[in-house]
Amino acid sequence: MKRLWDFKSIGYWLVALVIFSVVQVESVSAQQANAQPTDMLIKNRPVQYRCEMTMLDIHLTSVFLKEKGLSATELWGQYFTRINPEVEFVVNNPDAFKAEINRRFRQQKEAHPSAPLAFDFSEIGMIEIPVMLEKIAKKIEVFEDKKARLTTFTGQMRAIFGGTEVPRLRDIFFPSKLRREFELAIQYLREMNDILERHAADGRVAYDEFIALSHYYARVMGLFDTFEMSFQDRASLILERRIQGYKDFDMRTELDNFRGRNFEFVNRDSFLESYQESRAGFEGAYYAPQQMDELPYILVPSHGHFGIDIFQFLMSKDIYLLGMTDEPIRADGFLRPAGLFMLHDYMHSALMWHWQSKWKQENGITEEQWARLSQASDMWQVQLKEHLFAIQDPQMRRTARRLAFNIHHEQGFPMIPSVFLTETKVNFTTRQLYFMEWIGGETPWTYKTMVRELDEAFEIVKDFWLSKLDEERAILEQE
């Protein structure tokens, strides 16, 4: 696998972030910013039941599988249906979901060759659109309030010294420009609200329309989030935007793009070569449906709060969740506004799909072989959880579990044993991720974790996967 990071490109940013973390320069609103992700997680969400290996009567163990006569795919489907009801249509039976979506795609393509992605996606859209409407109404009130408080010099001084928000430096000297931005943002939200209300009244939304609306929704919801973020988090976003390929536009351009459906998830090149490569293939597949008999992958935007297992469960099915939010969310060491958070999920999806597709191509894997490997991967995921939960040391258990997720989700390596024949040590990308989480205060990592525990954790994870090599060979040899 190609190394994800470019040492020269990132060296400067690492030094800057170390300085920010040591100095701990905080804005007056840091305490409020840190509280926001927790608040966001408990709003407008179905009741969920979570624990490590058990959820009410569902036990994520191989023993439970044998007792109930379930396949691992059925087990995960039941589990995620209970804890993530907002995507029940997707997770209950991912293969059936994918088959149904592709049936609709082919039917739409035959009836309307110029709009093959305009097939019905209401099972997802009609769950999310009411949530979007509710959050838009609240965000309009927030923008109205900010416009009243932050577009006069007196109001800005009160905000700064009152410990509520810190406007951008330019806005202190040009408050009329900021007022105009808020007015356009409110207009943007009202126009989006009208479109979503029409879809809600019809009870139907097309796939391509829902993907585009989710993109525009995420961008506008996070436009002014940085006002309530600490200086350290703001500084970190300079790096993160360049990694993901995110660019802020002025509010007039944002509104014009929305009205004209000038739709691009990524609006600038990442400085990471692997991100550029994966994005090119991922976007190319999305925008060339006329040349395909079935979709190469399916995007599912959702407000759901998802744990790490669901991403690993769906990655072998070519189904990718994109997180929608109206507040910043901290993940991988960064506190990301809504638009950047969705793009972060999108780029993870591109990386996973890219490496998975490349691995299948390089190894000559047929669709029938991949279907069997996907089923086996669900079982391996159950067994991997058992393997990691058996670690006695709590810190090592946390490190190994997070590392396993990092290898497959963050770096996109397929959940296939033979991948670990070439991946023989912790790479730079992994250490960088732990470093970012450490300085962001997101996880209980220490310097010892990065220099010693990661290597030990990698050996634990690798030993598990290499023990499954014979099973992989047997699956590939089946007629």
Protein backbone atom coordinates (compact mmCIF):
# COMPACT_ATOMS: atom_id res chain seq x y z
CA MET A 1 0.00 0.00 0.00
CA LYS A 2 1.22 3.52 -0.75
CA ARG A 3 2.11 5.72 2.20
CA LEU A 4 -0.70 8.20 2.82
CA TRP A 5 1.35 11.10 4.15
CA ASP A 6 3.94 13.29 2.48
CA PHE A 7 6.59 14.05 5.11
CA LYS A 8 7.74 17.30 3.53
CA SER A 9 4.24 18.66 3.04
CA ILE A 10 3.15 18.00 6.59
CA GLY A 11 6.31 18.80 8.55
CA TYR A 12 5.49 22.48 8.98
CA TRP A 13 1.99 21.78 10.23
CA LEU A 14 3.21 19.25 12.78
CA VAL A 15 5.57 21.81 14.30
CA ALA A 16 2.82 24.42 14.39
CA LEU A 17 0.35 22.08 16.06
CA VAL A 18 2.89 21.03 18.70
CA ILE A 19 3.43 24.69 19.54
CA PHE A 20 -0.32 25.30 19.78
CA SER A 21 -0.79 22.27 22.02
CA VAL A 22 2.06 23.18 24.36
CA VAL A 23 1.19 26.84 24.66
CA GLN A 24 -2.51 25.96 25.08
CA VAL A 25 -3.68 29.30 23.72
CA GLU A 26 -7.43 29.19 24.29
CA SER A 27 -10.11 31.64 23.23
CA VAL A 28 -12.66 32.84 25.77
CA SER A 29 -15.21 30.48 24.26
CA ALA A 30 -13.20 27.24 24.50
CA GLN A 31 -15.28 25.80 27.31
CA GLN A 32 -18.49 26.26 25.35
CA ALA A 33 -16.94 24.83 22.17
CA ASN A 34 -15.82 21.72 24.00
CA ALA A 35 -19.35 21.17 25.31
CA GLN A 36 -21.04 21.35 21.91
CA PRO A 37 -20.35 17.85 20.52
CA THR A 38 -21.95 16.21 23.57
CA ASP A 39 -25.00 18.44 23.28
CA MET A 40 -25.31 17.61 19.59
CA LEU A 41 -25.24 13.86 20.21
CA ILE A 42 -28.33 13.87 22.40
CA LYS A 43 -30.60 16.00 20.21
CA ASN A 44 -33.14 14.68 17.73
CA ARG A 45 -32.05 11.07 17.86
CA PRO A 46 -33.95 7.86 18.58
CA VAL A 47 -33.21 6.17 21.88
CA GLN A 48 -30.20 3.91 21.49
CA TYR A 49 -28.85 1.06 23.59
CA ARG A 50 -25.11 0.55 23.59
CA CYS A 51 -22.52 -1.57 25.32
CA GLU A 52 -19.37 -3.40 24.35
CA MET A 53 -20.29 -6.88 23.15
CA THR A 54 -23.94 -7.14 24.16
CA MET A 55 -27.06 -5.16 23.30
CA LEU A 56 -30.12 -6.38 25.20
CA ASP A 57 -30.62 -9.91 23.83
CA ILE A 58 -28.05 -9.61 21.03
CA HIS A 59 -24.54 -10.84 21.89
CA LEU A 60 -21.81 -10.07 19.39
CA THR A 61 -19.98 -13.34 19.87
CA SER A 62 -19.34 -16.43 17.78
CA VAL A 63 -20.94 -18.58 20.50
CA PHE A 64 -24.18 -16.61 20.19
CA LEU A 65 -24.07 -17.08 16.41
CA LYS A 66 -23.90 -20.84 16.76
CA GLU A 67 -26.64 -20.95 19.41
CA LYS A 68 -29.06 -18.89 17.31
CA GLY A 69 -28.09 -20.35 13.95
CA LEU A 70 -27.35 -16.89 12.55
CA SER A 71 -24.82 -15.82 9.97
CA ALA A 72 -22.50 -13.01 11.06
CA THR A 73 -24.19 -10.74 8.49
CA GLU A 74 -27.60 -11.42 10.05
CA LEU A 75 -26.17 -10.78 13.52
CA TRP A 76 -24.69 -7.43 12.60
CA GLY A 77 -27.89 -6.50 10.74
CA GLN A 78 -30.06 -7.17 13.80
CA TYR A 79 -27.63 -5.34 16.03
CA PHE A 80 -27.40 -2.17 13.94
CA THR A 81 -31.13 -2.14 13.24
CA ARG A 82 -31.68 -1.85 16.99
CA ILE A 83 -29.06 0.79 17.77
CA ASN A 84 -29.27 2.79 14.52
CA PRO A 85 -32.94 2.73 13.47
CA GLU A 86 -32.43 5.75 11.21
CA VAL A 87 -30.60 3.47 8.74
CA GLU A 88 -32.62 0.29 9.30
CA PHE A 89 -33.39 0.03 5.58
CA VAL A 90 -29.62 -0.09 4.94
CA VAL A 91 -28.20 -2.27 7.71
CA ASN A 92 -30.89 -4.89 8.25
CA ASN A 93 -29.81 -6.64 5.06
CA PRO A 94 -27.13 -4.66 3.18
CA ASP A 95 -27.04 -7.07 0.25
CA ALA A 96 -30.81 -6.78 -0.25
CA PHE A 97 -30.59 -2.98 0.10
CA LYS A 98 -27.86 -2.79 -2.50
CA ALA A 99 -29.77 -5.08 -4.87
CA GLU A 100 -32.95 -3.00 -4.55
CA ILE A 101 -31.11 0.29 -5.12
CA ASN A 102 -29.43 -1.13 -8.22
CA ARG A 103 -32.77 -2.41 -9.49
CA ARG A 104 -34.17 1.11 -9.19
CA PHE A 105 -31.04 2.53 -10.83
CA ARG A 106 -31.37 0.26 -13.87
CA GLN A 107 -35.08 0.97 -14.16
CA GLN A 108 -34.47 4.73 -13.96
CA LYS A 109 -31.62 4.54 -16.43
CA GLU A 110 -33.78 2.70 -18.95
CA ALA A 111 -36.72 5.12 -18.57
CA HIS A 112 -34.64 8.32 -18.32
CA PRO A 113 -31.12 7.78 -19.74
CA SER A 114 -30.15 11.40 -19.10
CA ALA A 115 -30.94 11.20 -15.36
CA PRO A 116 -29.99 7.69 -14.16
CA LEU A 117 -29.38 8.79 -10.54
CA ALA A 118 -32.85 10.27 -10.09
CA PHE A 119 -34.28 7.03 -8.68
CA ASP A 120 -36.35 6.97 -5.50
CA PHE A 121 -34.35 7.18 -2.25
CA SER A 122 -37.23 8.01 0.06
CA GLU A 123 -36.56 5.32 2.67
CA ILE A 124 -33.53 7.37 3.71
CA GLY A 125 -34.61 10.84 2.61
CA MET A 126 -37.95 10.84 4.39
CA ILE A 127 -36.21 10.00 7.68
CA GLU A 128 -33.60 12.73 7.33
CA ILE A 129 -35.59 15.55 5.73
CA PRO A 130 -37.81 16.19 8.81
CA VAL A 131 -34.65 16.37 10.93
CA MET A 132 -33.09 18.78 8.43
CA LEU A 133 -36.19 21.00 8.51
CA GLU A 134 -36.18 21.10 12.31
CA LYS A 135 -32.50 21.98 12.49
CA ILE A 136 -32.79 24.61 9.74
CA ALA A 137 -35.55 26.39 11.69
CA LYS A 138 -33.29 26.50 14.75
CA LYS A 139 -30.28 27.62 12.74
CA ILE A 140 -32.22 30.53 11.23
CA GLU A 141 -32.91 31.73 14.77
CA VAL A 142 -29.22 31.36 15.63
CA PHE A 143 -28.13 33.34 12.55
CA GLU A 144 -30.70 36.06 13.26
CA ASP A 145 -29.38 36.36 16.81
CA LYS A 146 -25.75 36.45 15.66
CA LYS A 147 -26.56 39.10 13.08
CA ALA A 148 -28.10 41.30 15.79
CA ARG A 149 -25.17 40.82 18.20
CA LEU A 150 -22.08 40.51 16.06
CA THR A 151 -22.54 43.07 13.30
CA THR A 152 -21.87 46.14 15.41
CA PHE A 153 -18.57 46.98 17.08
CA THR A 154 -20.27 47.28 20.46
CA GLY A 155 -21.92 43.90 20.07
CA GLN A 156 -18.62 42.31 19.12
CA MET A 157 -16.85 43.74 22.15
CA ARG A 158 -19.62 42.43 24.39
CA ALA A 159 -19.30 38.99 22.79
CA ILE A 160 -15.53 38.89 23.24
CA PHE A 161 -15.40 40.15 26.80
CA GLY A 162 -18.58 38.34 27.76
CA GLY A 163 -16.99 35.02 26.87
CA THR A 164 -19.51 33.96 24.24
CA GLU A 165 -17.99 34.22 20.76
CA VAL A 166 -14.89 35.50 19.01
CA PRO A 167 -15.58 36.96 15.55
CA ARG A 168 -13.00 36.99 12.81
CA LEU A 169 -10.58 39.91 12.91
CA ARG A 170 -11.83 41.36 9.62
CA ASP A 171 -15.40 41.39 10.91
CA ILE A 172 -14.49 43.69 13.80
CA PHE A 173 -13.47 46.36 11.29
CA PHE A 174 -16.05 45.57 8.61
CA PRO A 175 -19.25 44.59 10.49
CA SER A 176 -21.50 45.59 7.57
CA LYS A 177 -19.91 42.84 5.45
CA LEU A 178 -20.59 40.30 8.20
CA ARG A 179 -24.20 41.49 8.43
CA ARG A 180 -24.60 40.91 4.71
CA GLU A 181 -23.15 37.40 5.06
CA PHE A 182 -25.70 36.55 7.74
CA GLU A 183 -28.54 37.93 5.62
CA LEU A 184 -27.48 35.78 2.65
CA ALA A 185 -27.03 32.73 4.87
CA ILE A 186 -30.56 33.18 6.23
CA GLN A 187 -31.88 33.51 2.68
CA TYR A 188 -29.96 30.32 1.76
CA LEU A 189 -31.59 28.43 4.65
CA ARG A 190 -35.08 29.67 3.79
CA GLU A 191 -34.75 28.62 0.15
CA MET A 192 -33.46 25.21 1.21
CA ASN A 193 -36.32 24.94 3.69
CA ASP A 194 -38.84 25.51 0.88
CA ILE A 195 -37.29 22.77 -1.26
CA LEU A 196 -37.20 20.30 1.63
CA GLU A 197 -40.81 21.08 2.56
CA ARG A 198 -41.91 20.25 -0.98
CA HIS A 199 -40.14 16.90 -0.78
CA ALA A 200 -41.68 16.25 2.64
CA ALA A 201 -45.13 17.01 1.25
CA ASP A 202 -44.55 14.70 -1.75
CA GLY A 203 -43.13 11.97 0.47
CA ARG A 204 -40.43 11.34 -2.11
CA VAL A 205 -36.88 12.42 -2.92
CA ALA A 206 -34.50 11.19 -5.60
CA TYR A 207 -31.04 9.86 -4.80
CA ASP A 208 -29.02 12.52 -6.63
CA GLU A 209 -31.20 15.33 -5.24
CA PHE A 210 -30.84 14.07 -1.68
CA ILE A 211 -27.06 13.74 -1.98
CA ALA A 212 -26.79 17.29 -3.34
CA LEU A 213 -29.14 18.76 -0.73
CA SER A 214 -27.19 17.02 2.03
CA HIS A 215 -23.98 18.59 0.75
CA TYR A 216 -25.45 22.11 0.62
CA TYR A 217 -27.13 21.64 3.99
CA ALA A 218 -23.87 20.64 5.64
CA ARG A 219 -21.96 23.59 4.23
CA VAL A 220 -24.43 26.27 5.30
CA MET A 221 -25.03 24.78 8.74
CA GLY A 222 -21.34 25.07 9.60
CA LEU A 223 -20.49 28.42 8.02
CA PHE A 224 -20.10 30.40 11.26
CA ASP A 225 -19.19 27.62 13.68
CA THR A 226 -15.62 28.83 14.06
CA PHE A 227 -16.84 31.85 16.05
CA GLU A 228 -17.38 29.51 19.00
CA MET A 229 -14.20 27.45 18.67
CA SER A 230 -10.94 27.78 20.58
CA PHE A 231 -7.90 29.31 18.92
CA GLN A 232 -6.18 25.90 18.92
CA ASP A 233 -9.13 24.27 17.13
CA ARG A 234 -9.27 27.10 14.60
CA ALA A 235 -5.55 26.78 13.89
CA SER A 236 -5.89 23.01 13.43
CA LEU A 237 -8.57 23.57 10.79
CA ILE A 238 -5.99 25.25 8.54
CA LEU A 239 -4.32 21.87 8.23
CA GLU A 240 -7.51 19.84 8.10
CA ARG A 241 -9.06 21.87 5.28
CA ARG A 242 -5.95 21.30 3.18
CA ILE A 243 -5.97 17.58 3.96
CA GLN A 244 -9.62 17.09 3.02
CA GLY A 245 -9.79 19.55 0.12
CA TYR A 246 -12.28 21.95 1.71
CA LYS A 247 -12.53 25.62 0.75
CA ASP A 248 -14.80 28.29 2.18
CA PHE A 249 -16.46 30.58 -0.34
CA ASP A 250 -18.00 33.96 0.31
CA MET A 251 -21.68 33.77 1.13
CA ARG A 252 -22.82 35.05 -2.26
CA THR A 253 -20.86 32.29 -4.02
CA GLU A 254 -22.25 29.68 -1.61
CA LEU A 255 -25.80 30.81 -2.38
CA ASP A 256 -25.17 30.92 -6.15
CA ASN A 257 -23.71 27.40 -6.05
CA PHE A 258 -26.78 26.17 -4.21
CA ARG A 259 -29.21 27.82 -6.59
CA GLY A 260 -27.35 26.61 -9.68
CA ARG A 261 -26.71 23.13 -8.24
CA ASN A 262 -22.99 23.62 -8.81
CA PHE A 263 -22.33 20.45 -6.88
CA GLU A 264 -18.84 19.36 -5.86
CA PHE A 265 -18.09 17.60 -2.58
CA VAL A 266 -14.40 18.50 -2.89
CA ASN A 267 -13.60 22.02 -4.12
CA ARG A 268 -9.81 22.05 -3.91
CA ASP A 269 -7.02 19.49 -4.20
CA SER A 270 -5.72 17.87 -1.04
CA PHE A 271 -1.94 18.08 -0.68
CA LEU A 272 -1.94 14.33 0.06
CA GLU A 273 -1.26 12.26 -3.03
CA SER A 274 -3.30 9.29 -1.81
CA TYR A 275 -6.33 11.52 -1.24
CA GLN A 276 -5.98 12.96 -4.74
CA GLU A 277 -5.78 9.46 -6.24
CA SER A 278 -8.71 8.03 -4.29
CA ARG A 279 -10.88 11.09 -4.89
CA ALA A 280 -10.32 10.94 -8.67
CA GLY A 281 -11.62 7.39 -8.97
CA PHE A 282 -14.43 7.87 -6.45
CA GLU A 283 -15.81 10.99 -8.10
CA GLY A 284 -15.29 9.56 -11.56
CA ALA A 285 -17.45 6.57 -10.65
CA TYR A 286 -20.24 8.79 -9.29
CA TYR A 287 -20.38 11.02 -12.36
CA ALA A 288 -20.34 8.22 -14.96
CA PRO A 289 -23.53 6.23 -14.21
CA GLN A 290 -24.53 6.03 -17.87
CA GLN A 291 -21.58 3.68 -18.43
CA MET A 292 -22.52 1.27 -15.64
CA ASP A 293 -25.00 -1.54 -15.12
CA GLU A 294 -24.97 -1.03 -11.37
CA LEU A 295 -23.74 1.60 -8.97
CA PRO A 296 -20.12 1.18 -7.84
CA TYR A 297 -21.14 2.35 -4.35
CA ILE A 298 -24.05 3.95 -2.49
CA LEU A 299 -23.79 7.09 -0.33
CA VAL A 300 -26.09 7.40 2.69
CA PRO A 301 -26.13 10.83 4.40
CA SER A 302 -27.53 10.59 7.93
CA HIS A 303 -27.79 12.44 11.25
CA GLY A 304 -27.26 9.16 13.10
CA HIS A 305 -24.51 8.77 15.67
CA PHE A 306 -22.50 5.76 14.54
CA GLY A 307 -19.91 3.68 16.34
CA ILE A 308 -16.86 2.22 14.64
CA ASP A 309 -18.34 -1.22 13.91
CA ILE A 310 -20.99 -0.07 11.46
CA PHE A 311 -18.43 1.52 9.12
CA GLN A 312 -16.39 -1.69 9.02
CA PHE A 313 -19.56 -3.74 8.47
CA LEU A 314 -20.63 -1.67 5.47
CA MET A 315 -17.28 -1.04 3.79
CA SER A 316 -17.18 -4.46 2.12
CA LYS A 317 -20.73 -3.85 0.84
CA ASP A 318 -19.72 -0.62 -0.96
CA ILE A 319 -22.14 1.38 1.21
CA TYR A 320 -20.81 4.55 2.83
CA LEU A 321 -22.37 6.68 5.57
CA LEU A 322 -21.90 10.47 5.48
CA GLY A 323 -22.45 12.34 8.73
CA MET A 324 -24.82 15.31 8.77
CA THR A 325 -24.84 17.68 11.74
CA ASP A 326 -25.77 21.23 12.71
CA GLU A 327 -22.96 21.59 15.27
CA PRO A 328 -19.20 20.90 15.21
CA ILE A 329 -18.13 17.33 15.96
CA ARG A 330 -14.72 16.27 17.25
CA ALA A 331 -13.13 13.23 15.60
CA ASP A 332 -9.57 12.16 14.75
CA GLY A 333 -8.19 15.07 16.75
CA PHE A 334 -10.06 17.83 14.91
CA LEU A 335 -13.21 19.75 15.86
CA ARG A 336 -14.92 20.03 12.48
CA PRO A 337 -17.79 22.31 11.40
CA ALA A 338 -20.67 20.60 9.62
CA GLY A 339 -19.49 20.98 6.03
CA LEU A 340 -15.96 19.83 6.81
CA PHE A 341 -17.27 16.92 8.88
CA MET A 342 -19.32 15.57 5.97
CA LEU A 343 -16.38 16.02 3.61
CA HIS A 344 -14.17 14.14 6.09
CA ASP A 345 -16.59 11.19 5.91
CA TYR A 346 -16.71 11.47 2.13
CA MET A 347 -12.92 11.32 1.82
CA HIS A 348 -12.74 8.34 4.19
CA SER A 349 -15.28 6.62 1.94
CA ALA A 350 -13.22 7.42 -1.15
CA LEU A 351 -10.09 6.00 0.46
CA MET A 352 -11.83 2.78 1.54
CA TRP A 353 -13.46 2.26 -1.85
CA HIS A 354 -10.22 3.03 -3.69
CA TRP A 355 -8.01 0.57 -1.80
CA GLN A 356 -10.69 -2.11 -1.81
CA SER A 357 -11.17 -1.77 -5.58
CA LYS A 358 -7.42 -1.74 -6.15
CA TRP A 359 -6.89 -4.84 -3.98
CA LYS A 360 -9.60 -6.75 -5.91
CA GLN A 361 -8.13 -5.72 -9.24
CA GLU A 362 -4.53 -6.56 -8.32
CA ASN A 363 -5.54 -9.99 -6.99
CA GLY A 364 -7.97 -10.82 -9.80
CA ILE A 365 -10.93 -11.19 -7.43
CA THR A 366 -14.22 -12.00 -9.16
CA GLU A 367 -17.58 -10.67 -7.97
CA GLU A 368 -18.52 -14.16 -6.73
CA GLN A 369 -15.30 -14.42 -4.74
CA TRP A 370 -15.78 -10.96 -3.29
CA ALA A 371 -19.33 -11.77 -2.20
CA ARG A 372 -18.00 -14.77 -0.26
CA LEU A 373 -15.16 -12.73 1.22
CA SER A 374 -17.63 -10.05 2.30
CA GLN A 375 -19.67 -12.64 4.18
CA ALA A 376 -16.51 -14.03 5.77
CA SER A 377 -15.40 -10.51 6.68
CA ASP A 378 -18.54 -10.10 8.81
CA MET A 379 -17.56 -13.19 10.77
CA TRP A 380 -13.95 -12.09 11.06
CA GLN A 381 -15.17 -8.80 12.48
CA VAL A 382 -17.04 -10.64 15.25
CA GLN A 383 -13.99 -12.74 16.01
CA LEU A 384 -11.69 -9.71 15.92
CA LYS A 385 -13.82 -8.04 18.60
CA GLU A 386 -13.55 -11.15 20.75
CA HIS A 387 -9.80 -11.25 20.16
CA LEU A 388 -9.34 -7.63 21.22
CA PHE A 389 -11.68 -7.77 24.19
CA ALA A 390 -9.62 -10.67 25.53
CA ILE A 391 -6.67 -8.30 26.07
CA GLN A 392 -6.24 -7.97 29.82
CA ASP A 393 -4.56 -4.57 30.00
CA PRO A 394 -7.27 -1.85 29.58
CA GLN A 395 -4.95 0.67 27.93
CA MET A 396 -3.61 -1.87 25.46
CA ARG A 397 -7.17 -3.02 24.73
CA ARG A 398 -8.19 0.56 23.89
CA THR A 399 -5.09 1.09 21.79
CA ALA A 400 -5.52 -2.14 19.82
CA ARG A 401 -9.23 -1.57 19.19
CA ARG A 402 -8.62 1.96 17.94
CA LEU A 403 -5.70 0.77 15.83
CA ALA A 404 -7.80 -1.92 14.15
CA PHE A 405 -10.36 0.71 13.20
CA ASN A 406 -7.62 3.05 12.01
CA ILE A 407 -6.15 0.43 9.69
CA HIS A 408 -9.44 -0.32 7.93
CA HIS A 409 -11.51 2.87 8.19
CA GLU A 410 -9.00 5.70 8.39
CA GLN A 411 -6.51 4.17 5.93
CA GLY A 412 -8.98 2.14 3.88
CA PHE A 413 -7.26 -1.26 3.96
CA PRO A 414 -9.76 -4.08 3.19
CA MET A 415 -10.74 -6.37 6.09
CA ILE A 416 -8.96 -9.29 4.41
CA PRO A 417 -6.21 -11.39 6.04
CA SER A 418 -3.73 -11.25 3.15
CA VAL A 419 -3.54 -7.46 3.49
CA PHE A 420 -1.32 -8.10 6.50
CA LEU A 421 1.23 -9.99 4.44
CA THR A 422 2.41 -6.61 3.14
CA GLU A 423 1.48 -4.43 6.12
CA THR A 424 4.22 -5.45 8.55
CA LYS A 425 4.51 -2.46 10.90
CA VAL A 426 2.77 0.66 12.18
CA ASN A 427 3.09 3.29 9.48
CA PHE A 428 3.45 7.04 9.77
CA THR A 429 -0.23 7.70 9.12
CA THR A 430 -1.23 5.73 12.22
CA ARG A 431 1.18 7.56 14.49
CA GLN A 432 0.03 10.89 13.09
CA LEU A 433 -3.60 10.06 13.85
CA TYR A 434 -2.80 9.16 17.44
CA PHE A 435 -0.75 12.33 17.73
CA MET A 436 -3.68 14.46 16.52
CA GLU A 437 -6.09 12.75 18.93
CA TRP A 438 -3.57 13.22 21.75
CA ILE A 439 -3.06 16.97 21.31
CA GLY A 440 -6.79 17.41 20.72
CA GLY A 441 -7.53 15.85 24.11
CA GLU A 442 -9.92 13.40 22.44
CA THR A 443 -8.46 10.11 23.68
CA PRO A 444 -6.36 8.81 26.60
CA TRP A 445 -3.25 8.32 24.51
CA THR A 446 0.18 9.14 25.89
CA TYR A 447 3.63 9.53 24.42
CA LYS A 448 4.27 5.93 25.48
CA THR A 449 1.30 4.83 23.37
CA MET A 450 2.80 6.32 20.23
CA VAL A 451 6.37 5.06 20.68
CA ARG A 452 5.81 1.61 22.17
CA GLU A 453 2.20 0.50 22.73
CA LEU A 454 1.23 0.98 19.09
CA ASP A 455 3.84 -1.50 17.94
CA GLU A 456 2.63 -4.09 20.41
CA ALA A 457 -1.01 -3.43 19.49
CA PHE A 458 -0.19 -3.82 15.80
CA GLU A 459 1.33 -7.25 16.44
CA ILE A 460 -1.86 -8.29 18.26
CA VAL A 461 -4.05 -7.18 15.36
CA LYS A 462 -1.74 -8.64 12.72
CA ASP A 463 -1.53 -12.02 14.49
CA PHE A 464 -5.32 -12.27 14.40
CA TRP A 465 -5.55 -11.57 10.68
CA LEU A 466 -2.68 -13.86 9.71
CA SER A 467 -4.41 -16.69 11.60
CA LYS A 468 -7.25 -16.37 9.06
CA LEU A 469 -5.10 -16.78 5.94
CA ASP A 470 -6.12 -20.41 5.42
CA GLU A 471 -9.80 -19.44 5.59
CA GLU A 472 -9.25 -16.76 2.95
CA ARG A 473 -7.43 -19.22 0.65
CA ALA A 474 -10.23 -21.77 1.04
CA ILE A 475 -12.85 -19.17 0.13
CA LEU A 476 -10.94 -18.10 -2.99
CA GLU A 477 -10.47 -21.72 -4.09
CA GLN A 478 -14.19 -22.54 -3.95
CA GLU A 479 -15.77 -23.32 -7.30
